[in-house]
Amino acid sequence: MSNSEKFLKTISGLIENGILTSKDIKKEISTDLKFGRDKLVGKLQLVSREEFEILKKRINKQDLAIKKLLKKKNSKKVKKS
């Protein structure tokens, strides 16, 4: 079912149920769109900006630690030779 068909079905359902004011229709459509958005966000497993920034900082710290360990390992190899 296409988006336009869903929209028309929603509008016709609202009219059938007696929701006649434009405010009620606007509220119902808004609720329907929010539900669709939340469903899409759930499927895509999106994270908030705050969570993303925290994870980014953790990865940078781990990257620095790995580089330090590799430098230590390489310097020990040079000393043994």
C-alpha atoms as a PDB file:
ATOM      1  CA  MET A   1       0.000   0.000   0.000  1.00  0.00           C
ATOM      2  CA  SER A   2       1.456   3.340  -1.003  1.00  0.00           C
ATOM      3  CA  ASN A   3       1.799   6.337   1.284  1.00  0.00           C
ATOM      4  CA  SER A   4      -0.996   8.230  -0.466  1.00  0.00           C
ATOM      5  CA  GLU A   5      -3.332   5.273  -0.030  1.00  0.00           C
ATOM      6  CA  LYS A   6      -2.457   5.086   3.678  1.00  0.00           C
ATOM      7  CA  PHE A   7      -3.109   8.808   4.024  1.00  0.00           C
ATOM      8  CA  LEU A   8      -6.484   8.598   2.290  1.00  0.00           C
ATOM      9  CA  LYS A   9      -7.433   5.533   4.334  1.00  0.00           C
ATOM     10  CA  THR A  10      -6.554   7.379   7.544  1.00  0.00           C
ATOM     11  CA  ILE A  11      -8.578  10.442   6.511  1.00  0.00           C
ATOM     12  CA  SER A  12     -11.596   8.374   5.492  1.00  0.00           C
ATOM     13  CA  GLY A  13     -11.407   6.401   8.747  1.00  0.00           C
ATOM     14  CA  LEU A  14     -11.375   9.631  10.722  1.00  0.00           C
ATOM     15  CA  ILE A  15     -14.388  10.990   8.885  1.00  0.00           C
ATOM     16  CA  GLU A  16     -16.265   7.696   9.347  1.00  0.00           C
ATOM     17  CA  ASN A  17     -15.582   7.790  13.089  1.00  0.00           C
ATOM     18  CA  GLY A  18     -17.035  11.270  13.373  1.00  0.00           C
ATOM     19  CA  ILE A  19     -13.884  13.307  13.784  1.00  0.00           C
ATOM     20  CA  LEU A  20     -14.902  16.366  11.851  1.00  0.00           C
ATOM     21  CA  THR A  21     -12.899  19.283  13.192  1.00  0.00           C
ATOM     22  CA  SER A  22      -9.663  20.217  11.523  1.00  0.00           C
ATOM     23  CA  LYS A  23      -7.846  20.279  14.867  1.00  0.00           C
ATOM     24  CA  ASP A  24      -8.822  16.691  15.580  1.00  0.00           C
ATOM     25  CA  ILE A  25      -7.779  15.593  12.100  1.00  0.00           C
ATOM     26  CA  LYS A  26      -4.463  17.439  12.444  1.00  0.00           C
ATOM     27  CA  LYS A  27      -3.838  15.832  15.838  1.00  0.00           C
ATOM     28  CA  GLU A  28      -4.691  12.350  14.530  1.00  0.00           C
ATOM     29  CA  ILE A  29      -2.433  12.726  11.474  1.00  0.00           C
ATOM     30  CA  SER A  30       0.372  14.073  13.659  1.00  0.00           C
ATOM     31  CA  THR A  31       0.036  11.102  16.002  1.00  0.00           C
ATOM     32  CA  ASP A  32       0.064   8.693  13.065  1.00  0.00           C
ATOM     33  CA  LEU A  33       3.206  10.293  11.614  1.00  0.00           C
ATOM     34  CA  LYS A  34       4.972  10.224  15.004  1.00  0.00           C
ATOM     35  CA  PHE A  35       4.146   6.542  15.364  1.00  0.00           C
ATOM     36  CA  GLY A  36       5.602   5.856  11.909  1.00  0.00           C
ATOM     37  CA  ARG A  37       8.732   7.855  12.774  1.00  0.00           C
ATOM     38  CA  ASP A  38       9.220   5.983  16.045  1.00  0.00           C
ATOM     39  CA  LYS A  39       8.780   2.671  14.250  1.00  0.00           C
ATOM     40  CA  LEU A  40      11.425   3.655  11.673  1.00  0.00           C
ATOM     41  CA  VAL A  41      13.856   4.813  14.374  1.00  0.00           C
ATOM     42  CA  GLY A  42      13.396   1.482  16.132  1.00  0.00           C
ATOM     43  CA  LYS A  43      14.150  -0.457  12.961  1.00  0.00           C
ATOM     44  CA  LEU A  44      17.267   1.594  12.188  1.00  0.00           C
ATOM     45  CA  GLN A  45      18.524   1.356  15.801  1.00  0.00           C
ATOM     46  CA  LEU A  46      19.496   5.025  15.855  1.00  0.00           C
ATOM     47  CA  VAL A  47      21.223   6.559  18.875  1.00  0.00           C
ATOM     48  CA  SER A  48      21.093  10.036  20.315  1.00  0.00           C
ATOM     49  CA  ARG A  49      23.828  12.599  19.638  1.00  0.00           C
ATOM     50  CA  GLU A  50      24.920  12.365  23.283  1.00  0.00           C
ATOM     51  CA  GLU A  51      25.382   8.589  23.091  1.00  0.00           C
ATOM     52  CA  PHE A  52      27.289   8.982  19.825  1.00  0.00           C
ATOM     53  CA  GLU A  53      29.675  11.576  21.292  1.00  0.00           C
ATOM     54  CA  ILE A  54      30.363   9.400  24.365  1.00  0.00           C
ATOM     55  CA  LEU A  55      31.137   6.398  22.179  1.00  0.00           C
ATOM     56  CA  LYS A  56      33.366   8.543  19.964  1.00  0.00           C
ATOM     57  CA  LYS A  57      35.400   9.666  23.001  1.00  0.00           C
ATOM     58  CA  ARG A  58      35.776   6.064  24.195  1.00  0.00           C
ATOM     59  CA  ILE A  59      37.027   4.949  20.802  1.00  0.00           C
ATOM     60  CA  ASN A  60      39.549   7.797  20.671  1.00  0.00           C
ATOM     61  CA  LYS A  61      40.888   6.868  24.125  1.00  0.00           C
ATOM     62  CA  GLN A  62      41.193   3.222  23.100  1.00  0.00           C
ATOM     63  CA  ASP A  63      42.954   4.212  19.903  1.00  0.00           C
ATOM     64  CA  LEU A  64      45.509   6.253  21.851  1.00  0.00           C
ATOM     65  CA  ALA A  65      46.068   3.386  24.302  1.00  0.00           C
ATOM     66  CA  ILE A  66      46.632   0.940  21.446  1.00  0.00           C
ATOM     67  CA  LYS A  67      49.129   3.268  19.796  1.00  0.00           C
ATOM     68  CA  LYS A  68      51.050   3.647  23.085  1.00  0.00           C
ATOM     69  CA  LEU A  69      51.168  -0.119  23.554  1.00  0.00           C
ATOM     70  CA  LEU A  70      52.407  -0.624  20.012  1.00  0.00           C
ATOM     71  CA  LYS A  71      55.163   1.959  20.548  1.00  0.00           C
ATOM     72  CA  LYS A  72      56.228   0.198  23.752  1.00  0.00           C
ATOM     73  CA  LYS A  73      56.238  -3.168  21.994  1.00  0.00           C
ATOM     74  CA  ASN A  74      58.299  -1.790  19.093  1.00  0.00           C
ATOM     75  CA  SER A  75      60.780  -0.077  21.382  1.00  0.00           C
ATOM     76  CA  LYS A  76      61.330  -3.316  23.337  1.00  0.00           C
ATOM     77  CA  LYS A  77      62.035  -5.180  20.085  1.00  0.00           C
ATOM     78  CA  VAL A  78      64.642  -2.574  19.108  1.00  0.00           C
ATOM     79  CA  LYS A  79      66.387  -2.804  22.533  1.00  0.00           C
ATOM     80  CA  LYS A  80      66.587  -6.620  22.337  1.00  0.00           C
ATOM     81  CA  SER A  81      68.262  -6.554  18.920  1.00  0.00           C
END
